[in-house]
Amino acid sequence: MGDTGGAVPRPVSPRSPRPMPRLAVFALVVCALSVAAAVVAFVEGSFLGIIWVLLAGVTSNLAWFYLRKAKAEKAAAARVSP
């Protein structure tokens, strides 16, 4: 029940550039794909595009949430470490 064999995360200094949160990137990709699907659906005359527009709205909100969360965590880490 001890070692899980996982790598030990290295500490990140506050000045090093941090990558965009992975969940935010995934949400943006899904948002872009759902917008494209909505456009295709409406061009073909299908009202199923409304579902794609709703999905785009949800995923854009998720991306916004995860970006703000990462920004808040970064600011909190900067306040804690001198």
PDB file of N, CA and C in Angstrom:
ATOM      1  N   MET A   1       0.814  -1.185   0.000  1.00  0.00           N
ATOM      2  CA  MET A   1       0.000   0.000   0.000  1.00  0.00           C
ATOM      3  C   MET A   1       0.856   1.247   0.000  1.00  0.00           C
ATOM      4  N   GLY A   2       2.072   1.157  -0.408  1.00  0.00           N
ATOM      5  CA  GLY A   2       2.953   2.304  -0.343  1.00  0.00           C
ATOM      6  C   GLY A   2       3.110   2.990  -1.687  1.00  0.00           C
ATOM      7  N   ASP A   3       4.191   2.667  -2.331  1.00  0.00           N
ATOM      8  CA  ASP A   3       4.564   3.346  -3.564  1.00  0.00           C
ATOM      9  C   ASP A   3       3.626   2.966  -4.705  1.00  0.00           C
ATOM     10  N   THR A   4       3.112   3.982  -5.368  1.00  0.00           N
ATOM     11  CA  THR A   4       2.240   3.724  -6.517  1.00  0.00           C
ATOM     12  C   THR A   4       3.013   3.777  -7.828  1.00  0.00           C
ATOM     13  N   GLY A   5       4.271   4.105  -7.746  1.00  0.00           N
ATOM     14  CA  GLY A   5       5.090   4.151  -8.944  1.00  0.00           C
ATOM     15  C   GLY A   5       4.928   5.415  -9.758  1.00  0.00           C
ATOM     16  N   GLY A   6       4.192   6.388  -9.242  1.00  0.00           N
ATOM     17  CA  GLY A   6       3.976   7.628  -9.968  1.00  0.00           C
ATOM     18  C   GLY A   6       5.169   8.565  -9.844  1.00  0.00           C
ATOM     19  N   ALA A   7       5.297   9.436 -10.806  1.00  0.00           N
ATOM     20  CA  ALA A   7       6.376  10.408 -10.787  1.00  0.00           C
ATOM     21  C   ALA A   7       6.075  11.486  -9.758  1.00  0.00           C
ATOM     22  N   VAL A   8       7.101  11.971  -9.137  1.00  0.00           N
ATOM     23  CA  VAL A   8       6.957  13.042  -8.155  1.00  0.00           C
ATOM     24  C   VAL A   8       6.875  14.360  -8.913  1.00  0.00           C
ATOM     25  N   PRO A   9       5.826  15.149  -8.688  1.00  0.00           N
ATOM     26  CA  PRO A   9       5.728  16.422  -9.409  1.00  0.00           C
ATOM     27  C   PRO A   9       6.790  17.394  -8.927  1.00  0.00           C
ATOM     28  N   ARG A  10       7.384  18.083  -9.862  1.00  0.00           N
ATOM     29  CA  ARG A  10       8.400  19.063  -9.488  1.00  0.00           C
ATOM     30  C   ARG A  10       7.728  20.388  -9.178  1.00  0.00           C
ATOM     31  N   PRO A  11       8.282  21.122  -8.246  1.00  0.00           N
ATOM     32  CA  PRO A  11       7.667  22.407  -7.897  1.00  0.00           C
ATOM     33  C   PRO A  11       7.797  23.404  -9.047  1.00  0.00           C
ATOM     34  N   VAL A  12       6.774  24.208  -9.202  1.00  0.00           N
ATOM     35  CA  VAL A  12       6.752  25.207 -10.261  1.00  0.00           C
ATOM     36  C   VAL A  12       6.947  26.568  -9.624  1.00  0.00           C
ATOM     37  N   SER A  13       7.936  27.298 -10.107  1.00  0.00           N
ATOM     38  CA  SER A  13       8.157  28.633  -9.554  1.00  0.00           C
ATOM     39  C   SER A  13       7.080  29.577 -10.084  1.00  0.00           C
ATOM     40  N   PRO A  14       6.742  30.619  -9.324  1.00  0.00           N
ATOM     41  CA  PRO A  14       5.685  31.529  -9.767  1.00  0.00           C
ATOM     42  C   PRO A  14       6.019  32.273 -11.054  1.00  0.00           C
ATOM     43  N   ARG A  15       7.282  32.353 -11.396  1.00  0.00           N
ATOM     44  CA  ARG A  15       7.668  33.101 -12.592  1.00  0.00           C
ATOM     45  C   ARG A  15       7.678  32.253 -13.853  1.00  0.00           C
ATOM     46  N   SER A  16       7.640  30.935 -13.715  1.00  0.00           N
ATOM     47  CA  SER A  16       7.672  30.100 -14.909  1.00  0.00           C
ATOM     48  C   SER A  16       6.307  30.129 -15.591  1.00  0.00           C
ATOM     49  N   PRO A  17       6.296  30.095 -16.922  1.00  0.00           N
ATOM     50  CA  PRO A  17       5.008  30.109 -17.622  1.00  0.00           C
ATOM     51  C   PRO A  17       4.255  28.814 -17.361  1.00  0.00           C
ATOM     52  N   ARG A  18       2.979  28.958 -17.046  1.00  0.00           N
ATOM     53  CA  ARG A  18       2.156  27.785 -16.766  1.00  0.00           C
ATOM     54  C   ARG A  18       1.291  27.497 -17.984  1.00  0.00           C
ATOM     55  N   PRO A  19       1.179  26.227 -18.338  1.00  0.00           N
ATOM     56  CA  PRO A  19       0.328  25.897 -19.481  1.00  0.00           C
ATOM     57  C   PRO A  19      -1.141  26.124 -19.156  1.00  0.00           C
ATOM     58  N   MET A  20      -1.916  26.282 -20.190  1.00  0.00           N
ATOM     59  CA  MET A  20      -3.346  26.444 -20.028  1.00  0.00           C
ATOM     60  C   MET A  20      -3.920  25.166 -19.410  1.00  0.00           C
ATOM     61  N   PRO A  21      -4.874  25.279 -18.509  1.00  0.00           N
ATOM     62  CA  PRO A  21      -5.449  24.075 -17.907  1.00  0.00           C
ATOM     63  C   PRO A  21      -6.017  23.124 -18.956  1.00  0.00           C
ATOM     64  N   ARG A  22      -5.748  21.853 -18.766  1.00  0.00           N
ATOM     65  CA  ARG A  22      -6.125  20.857 -19.767  1.00  0.00           C
ATOM     66  C   ARG A  22      -7.631  20.795 -19.991  1.00  0.00           C
ATOM     67  N   LEU A  23      -8.409  20.879 -18.932  1.00  0.00           N
ATOM     68  CA  LEU A  23      -9.859  20.823 -19.092  1.00  0.00           C
ATOM     69  C   LEU A  23     -10.387  22.028 -19.870  1.00  0.00           C
ATOM     70  N   ALA A  24      -9.765  23.181 -19.692  1.00  0.00           N
ATOM     71  CA  ALA A  24     -10.180  24.363 -20.444  1.00  0.00           C
ATOM     72  C   ALA A  24      -9.892  24.174 -21.931  1.00  0.00           C
ATOM     73  N   VAL A  25      -8.768  23.572 -22.243  1.00  0.00           N
ATOM     74  CA  VAL A  25      -8.428  23.321 -23.649  1.00  0.00           C
ATOM     75  C   VAL A  25      -9.427  22.352 -24.273  1.00  0.00           C
ATOM     76  N   PHE A  26      -9.739  21.280 -23.545  1.00  0.00           N
ATOM     77  CA  PHE A  26     -10.718  20.322 -24.056  1.00  0.00           C
ATOM     78  C   PHE A  26     -12.078  20.983 -24.258  1.00  0.00           C
ATOM     79  N   ALA A  27     -12.474  21.828 -23.321  1.00  0.00           N
ATOM     80  CA  ALA A  27     -13.768  22.504 -23.441  1.00  0.00           C
ATOM     81  C   ALA A  27     -13.780  23.439 -24.651  1.00  0.00           C
ATOM     82  N   LEU A  28     -12.677  24.133 -24.902  1.00  0.00           N
ATOM     83  CA  LEU A  28     -12.616  25.014 -26.074  1.00  0.00           C
ATOM     84  C   LEU A  28     -12.670  24.227 -27.377  1.00  0.00           C
ATOM     85  N   VAL A  29     -12.033  23.071 -27.405  1.00  0.00           N
ATOM     86  CA  VAL A  29     -12.068  22.235 -28.606  1.00  0.00           C
ATOM     87  C   VAL A  29     -13.491  21.745 -28.871  1.00  0.00           C
ATOM     88  N   VAL A  30     -14.163  21.277 -27.818  1.00  0.00           N
ATOM     89  CA  VAL A  30     -15.543  20.809 -27.971  1.00  0.00           C
ATOM     90  C   VAL A  30     -16.450  21.964 -28.385  1.00  0.00           C
ATOM     91  N   CYS A  31     -16.189  23.149 -27.842  1.00  0.00           N
ATOM     92  CA  CYS A  31     -16.979  24.327 -28.206  1.00  0.00           C
ATOM     93  C   CYS A  31     -16.823  24.643 -29.694  1.00  0.00           C
ATOM     94  N   ALA A  32     -15.595  24.649 -30.171  1.00  0.00           N
ATOM     95  CA  ALA A  32     -15.362  24.946 -31.591  1.00  0.00           C
ATOM     96  C   ALA A  32     -16.003  23.885 -32.490  1.00  0.00           C
ATOM     97  N   LEU A  33     -15.892  22.622 -32.102  1.00  0.00           N
ATOM     98  CA  LEU A  33     -16.490  21.563 -32.908  1.00  0.00           C
ATOM     99  C   LEU A  33     -18.014  21.636 -32.900  1.00  0.00           C
ATOM    100  N   SER A  34     -18.593  22.001 -31.766  1.00  0.00           N
ATOM    101  CA  SER A  34     -20.054  22.090 -31.719  1.00  0.00           C
ATOM    102  C   SER A  34     -20.566  23.296 -32.504  1.00  0.00           C
ATOM    103  N   VAL A  35     -19.799  24.370 -32.544  1.00  0.00           N
ATOM    104  CA  VAL A  35     -20.190  25.515 -33.378  1.00  0.00           C
ATOM    105  C   VAL A  35     -20.147  25.117 -34.852  1.00  0.00           C
ATOM    106  N   ALA A  36     -19.103  24.400 -35.230  1.00  0.00           N
ATOM    107  CA  ALA A  36     -19.014  23.935 -36.620  1.00  0.00           C
ATOM    108  C   ALA A  36     -20.168  22.987 -36.954  1.00  0.00           C
ATOM    109  N   ALA A  37     -20.506  22.101 -36.026  1.00  0.00           N
ATOM    110  CA  ALA A  37     -21.624  21.184 -36.262  1.00  0.00           C
ATOM    111  C   ALA A  37     -22.944  21.938 -36.362  1.00  0.00           C
ATOM    112  N   ALA A  38     -23.093  22.991 -35.568  1.00  0.00           N
ATOM    113  CA  ALA A  38     -24.317  23.796 -35.631  1.00  0.00           C
ATOM    114  C   ALA A  38     -24.438  24.490 -36.980  1.00  0.00           C
ATOM    115  N   VAL A  39     -23.340  25.020 -37.466  1.00  0.00           N
ATOM    116  CA  VAL A  39     -23.363  25.689 -38.771  1.00  0.00           C
ATOM    117  C   VAL A  39     -23.742  24.696 -39.861  1.00  0.00           C
ATOM    118  N   VAL A  40     -23.140  23.524 -39.839  1.00  0.00           N
ATOM    119  CA  VAL A  40     -23.445  22.509 -40.846  1.00  0.00           C
ATOM    120  C   VAL A  40     -24.914  22.096 -40.756  1.00  0.00           C
ATOM    121  N   ALA A  41     -25.408  21.913 -39.524  1.00  0.00           N
ATOM    122  CA  ALA A  41     -26.800  21.494 -39.353  1.00  0.00           C
ATOM    123  C   ALA A  41     -27.758  22.561 -39.886  1.00  0.00           C
ATOM    124  N   PHE A  42     -27.497  23.819 -39.584  1.00  0.00           N
ATOM    125  CA  PHE A  42     -28.390  24.876 -40.055  1.00  0.00           C
ATOM    126  C   PHE A  42     -28.302  25.053 -41.567  1.00  0.00           C
ATOM    127  N   VAL A  43     -27.134  24.876 -42.143  1.00  0.00           N
ATOM    128  CA  VAL A  43     -26.990  24.981 -43.599  1.00  0.00           C
ATOM    129  C   VAL A  43     -27.784  23.878 -44.290  1.00  0.00           C
ATOM    130  N   GLU A  44     -27.795  22.701 -43.681  1.00  0.00           N
ATOM    131  CA  GLU A  44     -28.557  21.591 -44.251  1.00  0.00           C
ATOM    132  C   GLU A  44     -30.048  21.697 -43.955  1.00  0.00           C
ATOM    133  N   GLY A  45     -30.449  22.690 -43.183  1.00  0.00           N
ATOM    134  CA  GLY A  45     -31.860  22.900 -42.901  1.00  0.00           C
ATOM    135  C   GLY A  45     -32.391  22.117 -41.718  1.00  0.00           C
ATOM    136  N   SER A  46     -31.516  21.595 -40.895  1.00  0.00           N
ATOM    137  CA  SER A  46     -31.940  20.802 -39.739  1.00  0.00           C
ATOM    138  C   SER A  46     -31.987  21.686 -38.498  1.00  0.00           C
ATOM    139  N   PHE A  47     -33.033  21.504 -37.716  1.00  0.00           N
ATOM    140  CA  PHE A  47     -33.131  22.248 -36.466  1.00  0.00           C
ATOM    141  C   PHE A  47     -32.363  21.564 -35.341  1.00  0.00           C
ATOM    142  N   LEU A  48     -31.685  20.471 -35.647  1.00  0.00           N
ATOM    143  CA  LEU A  48     -30.830  19.816 -34.671  1.00  0.00           C
ATOM    144  C   LEU A  48     -29.648  20.721 -34.296  1.00  0.00           C
ATOM    145  N   GLY A  49     -29.402  21.728 -35.097  1.00  0.00           N
ATOM    146  CA  GLY A  49     -28.341  22.690 -34.799  1.00  0.00           C
ATOM    147  C   GLY A  49     -28.566  23.432 -33.499  1.00  0.00           C
ATOM    148  N   ILE A  50     -29.815  23.505 -33.061  1.00  0.00           N
ATOM    149  CA  ILE A  50     -30.110  24.171 -31.787  1.00  0.00           C
ATOM    150  C   ILE A  50     -29.424  23.432 -30.644  1.00  0.00           C
ATOM    151  N   ILE A  51     -29.403  22.119 -30.707  1.00  0.00           N
ATOM    152  CA  ILE A  51     -28.729  21.322 -29.678  1.00  0.00           C
ATOM    153  C   ILE A  51     -27.232  21.621 -29.684  1.00  0.00           C
ATOM    154  N   TRP A  52     -26.664  21.760 -30.876  1.00  0.00           N
ATOM    155  CA  TRP A  52     -25.231  22.055 -30.983  1.00  0.00           C
ATOM    156  C   TRP A  52     -24.920  23.447 -30.437  1.00  0.00           C
ATOM    157  N   VAL A  53     -25.817  24.386 -30.650  1.00  0.00           N
ATOM    158  CA  VAL A  53     -25.608  25.736 -30.104  1.00  0.00           C
ATOM    159  C   VAL A  53     -25.645  25.697 -28.579  1.00  0.00           C
ATOM    160  N   LEU A  54     -26.582  24.926 -28.031  1.00  0.00           N
ATOM    161  CA  LEU A  54     -26.646  24.793 -26.577  1.00  0.00           C
ATOM    162  C   LEU A  54     -25.388  24.135 -26.016  1.00  0.00           C
ATOM    163  N   LEU A  55     -24.894  23.120 -26.703  1.00  0.00           N
ATOM    164  CA  LEU A  55     -23.652  22.470 -26.278  1.00  0.00           C
ATOM    165  C   LEU A  55     -22.477  23.444 -26.344  1.00  0.00           C
ATOM    166  N   ALA A  56     -22.449  24.284 -27.369  1.00  0.00           N
ATOM    167  CA  ALA A  56     -21.385  25.285 -27.468  1.00  0.00           C
ATOM    168  C   ALA A  56     -21.443  26.261 -26.298  1.00  0.00           C
ATOM    169  N   GLY A  57     -22.639  26.628 -25.896  1.00  0.00           N
ATOM    170  CA  GLY A  57     -22.780  27.533 -24.758  1.00  0.00           C
ATOM    171  C   GLY A  57     -22.296  26.919 -23.464  1.00  0.00           C
ATOM    172  N   VAL A  58     -22.648  25.667 -23.241  1.00  0.00           N
ATOM    173  CA  VAL A  58     -22.219  24.991 -22.011  1.00  0.00           C
ATOM    174  C   VAL A  58     -20.702  24.834 -21.980  1.00  0.00           C
ATOM    175  N   THR A  59     -20.126  24.407 -23.096  1.00  0.00           N
ATOM    176  CA  THR A  59     -18.678  24.183 -23.103  1.00  0.00           C
ATOM    177  C   THR A  59     -17.897  25.487 -23.032  1.00  0.00           C
ATOM    178  N   SER A  60     -18.431  26.573 -23.589  1.00  0.00           N
ATOM    179  CA  SER A  60     -17.719  27.840 -23.450  1.00  0.00           C
ATOM    180  C   SER A  60     -17.746  28.310 -22.002  1.00  0.00           C
ATOM    181  N   ASN A  61     -18.860  28.054 -21.304  1.00  0.00           N
ATOM    182  CA  ASN A  61     -18.922  28.391 -19.883  1.00  0.00           C
ATOM    183  C   ASN A  61     -17.960  27.533 -19.070  1.00  0.00           C
ATOM    184  N   LEU A  62     -17.831  26.264 -19.420  1.00  0.00           N
ATOM    185  CA  LEU A  62     -16.874  25.403 -18.732  1.00  0.00           C
ATOM    186  C   LEU A  62     -15.445  25.894 -18.941  1.00  0.00           C
ATOM    187  N   ALA A  63     -15.115  26.265 -20.165  1.00  0.00           N
ATOM    188  CA  ALA A  63     -13.767  26.767 -20.442  1.00  0.00           C
ATOM    189  C   ALA A  63     -13.500  28.034 -19.647  1.00  0.00           C
ATOM    190  N   TRP A  64     -14.456  28.936 -19.614  1.00  0.00           N
ATOM    191  CA  TRP A  64     -14.318  30.182 -18.859  1.00  0.00           C
ATOM    192  C   TRP A  64     -14.113  29.878 -17.371  1.00  0.00           C
ATOM    193  N   PHE A  65     -14.887  28.932 -16.836  1.00  0.00           N
ATOM    194  CA  PHE A  65     -14.783  28.564 -15.431  1.00  0.00           C
ATOM    195  C   PHE A  65     -13.389  28.026 -15.111  1.00  0.00           C
ATOM    196  N   TYR A  66     -12.892  27.090 -15.925  1.00  0.00           N
ATOM    197  CA  TYR A  66     -11.594  26.490 -15.645  1.00  0.00           C
ATOM    198  C   TYR A  66     -10.450  27.488 -15.820  1.00  0.00           C
ATOM    199  N   LEU A  67     -10.579  28.414 -16.751  1.00  0.00           N
ATOM    200  CA  LEU A  67      -9.549  29.446 -16.893  1.00  0.00           C
ATOM    201  C   LEU A  67      -9.528  30.374 -15.681  1.00  0.00           C
ATOM    202  N   ARG A  68     -10.708  30.780 -15.217  1.00  0.00           N
ATOM    203  CA  ARG A  68     -10.772  31.646 -14.031  1.00  0.00           C
ATOM    204  C   ARG A  68     -10.289  30.919 -12.787  1.00  0.00           C
ATOM    205  N   LYS A  69     -10.603  29.630 -12.693  1.00  0.00           N
ATOM    206  CA  LYS A  69     -10.159  28.840 -11.552  1.00  0.00           C
ATOM    207  C   LYS A  69      -8.633  28.753 -11.530  1.00  0.00           C
ATOM    208  N   ALA A  70      -8.024  28.504 -12.678  1.00  0.00           N
ATOM    209  CA  ALA A  70      -6.564  28.429 -12.756  1.00  0.00           C
ATOM    210  C   ALA A  70      -5.937  29.774 -12.424  1.00  0.00           C
ATOM    211  N   LYS A  71      -6.555  30.852 -12.878  1.00  0.00           N
ATOM    212  CA  LYS A  71      -6.027  32.182 -12.588  1.00  0.00           C
ATOM    213  C   LYS A  71      -6.106  32.484 -11.093  1.00  0.00           C
ATOM    214  N   ALA A  72      -7.214  32.091 -10.463  1.00  0.00           N
ATOM    215  CA  ALA A  72      -7.365  32.317  -9.021  1.00  0.00           C
ATOM    216  C   ALA A  72      -6.366  31.474  -8.227  1.00  0.00           C
ATOM    217  N   GLU A  73      -6.147  30.229  -8.640  1.00  0.00           N
ATOM    218  CA  GLU A  73      -5.176  29.380  -7.965  1.00  0.00           C
ATOM    219  C   GLU A  73      -3.765  29.929  -8.112  1.00  0.00           C
ATOM    220  N   LYS A  74      -3.458  30.462  -9.276  1.00  0.00           N
ATOM    221  CA  LYS A  74      -2.140  31.045  -9.505  1.00  0.00           C
ATOM    222  C   LYS A  74      -1.949  32.280  -8.633  1.00  0.00           C
ATOM    223  N   ALA A  75      -2.975  33.108  -8.511  1.00  0.00           N
ATOM    224  CA  ALA A  75      -2.870  34.296  -7.669  1.00  0.00           C
ATOM    225  C   ALA A  75      -2.737  33.916  -6.189  1.00  0.00           C
ATOM    226  N   ALA A  76      -3.468  32.873  -5.781  1.00  0.00           N
ATOM    227  CA  ALA A  76      -3.367  32.423  -4.388  1.00  0.00           C
ATOM    228  C   ALA A  76      -1.981  31.863  -4.098  1.00  0.00           C
ATOM    229  N   ALA A  77      -1.396  31.137  -5.057  1.00  0.00           N
ATOM    230  CA  ALA A  77      -0.056  30.597  -4.878  1.00  0.00           C
ATOM    231  C   ALA A  77       0.975  31.710  -4.839  1.00  0.00           C
ATOM    232  N   ALA A  78       0.742  32.773  -5.591  1.00  0.00           N
ATOM    233  CA  ALA A  78       1.685  33.900  -5.597  1.00  0.00           C
ATOM    234  C   ALA A  78       1.626  34.655  -4.272  1.00  0.00           C
ATOM    235  N   ARG A  79       0.431  34.721  -3.644  1.00  0.00           N
ATOM    236  CA  ARG A  79       0.311  35.392  -2.364  1.00  0.00           C
ATOM    237  C   ARG A  79       0.954  34.600  -1.242  1.00  0.00           C
ATOM    238  N   VAL A  80       0.897  33.264  -1.340  1.00  0.00           N
ATOM    239  CA  VAL A  80       1.436  32.414  -0.284  1.00  0.00           C
ATOM    240  C   VAL A  80       2.954  32.401  -0.328  1.00  0.00           C
ATOM    241  N   SER A  81       3.528  32.222  -1.519  1.00  0.00           N
ATOM    242  CA  SER A  81       4.991  32.175  -1.627  1.00  0.00           C
ATOM    243  C   SER A  81       5.533  33.564  -1.907  1.00  0.00           C
ATOM    244  N   PRO A  82       6.598  33.945  -1.196  1.00  0.00           N
ATOM    245  CA  PRO A  82       7.167  35.299  -1.382  1.00  0.00           C
ATOM    246  C   PRO A  82       7.882  35.472  -2.684  1.00  0.00           C
TER     247      PRO A  82
END
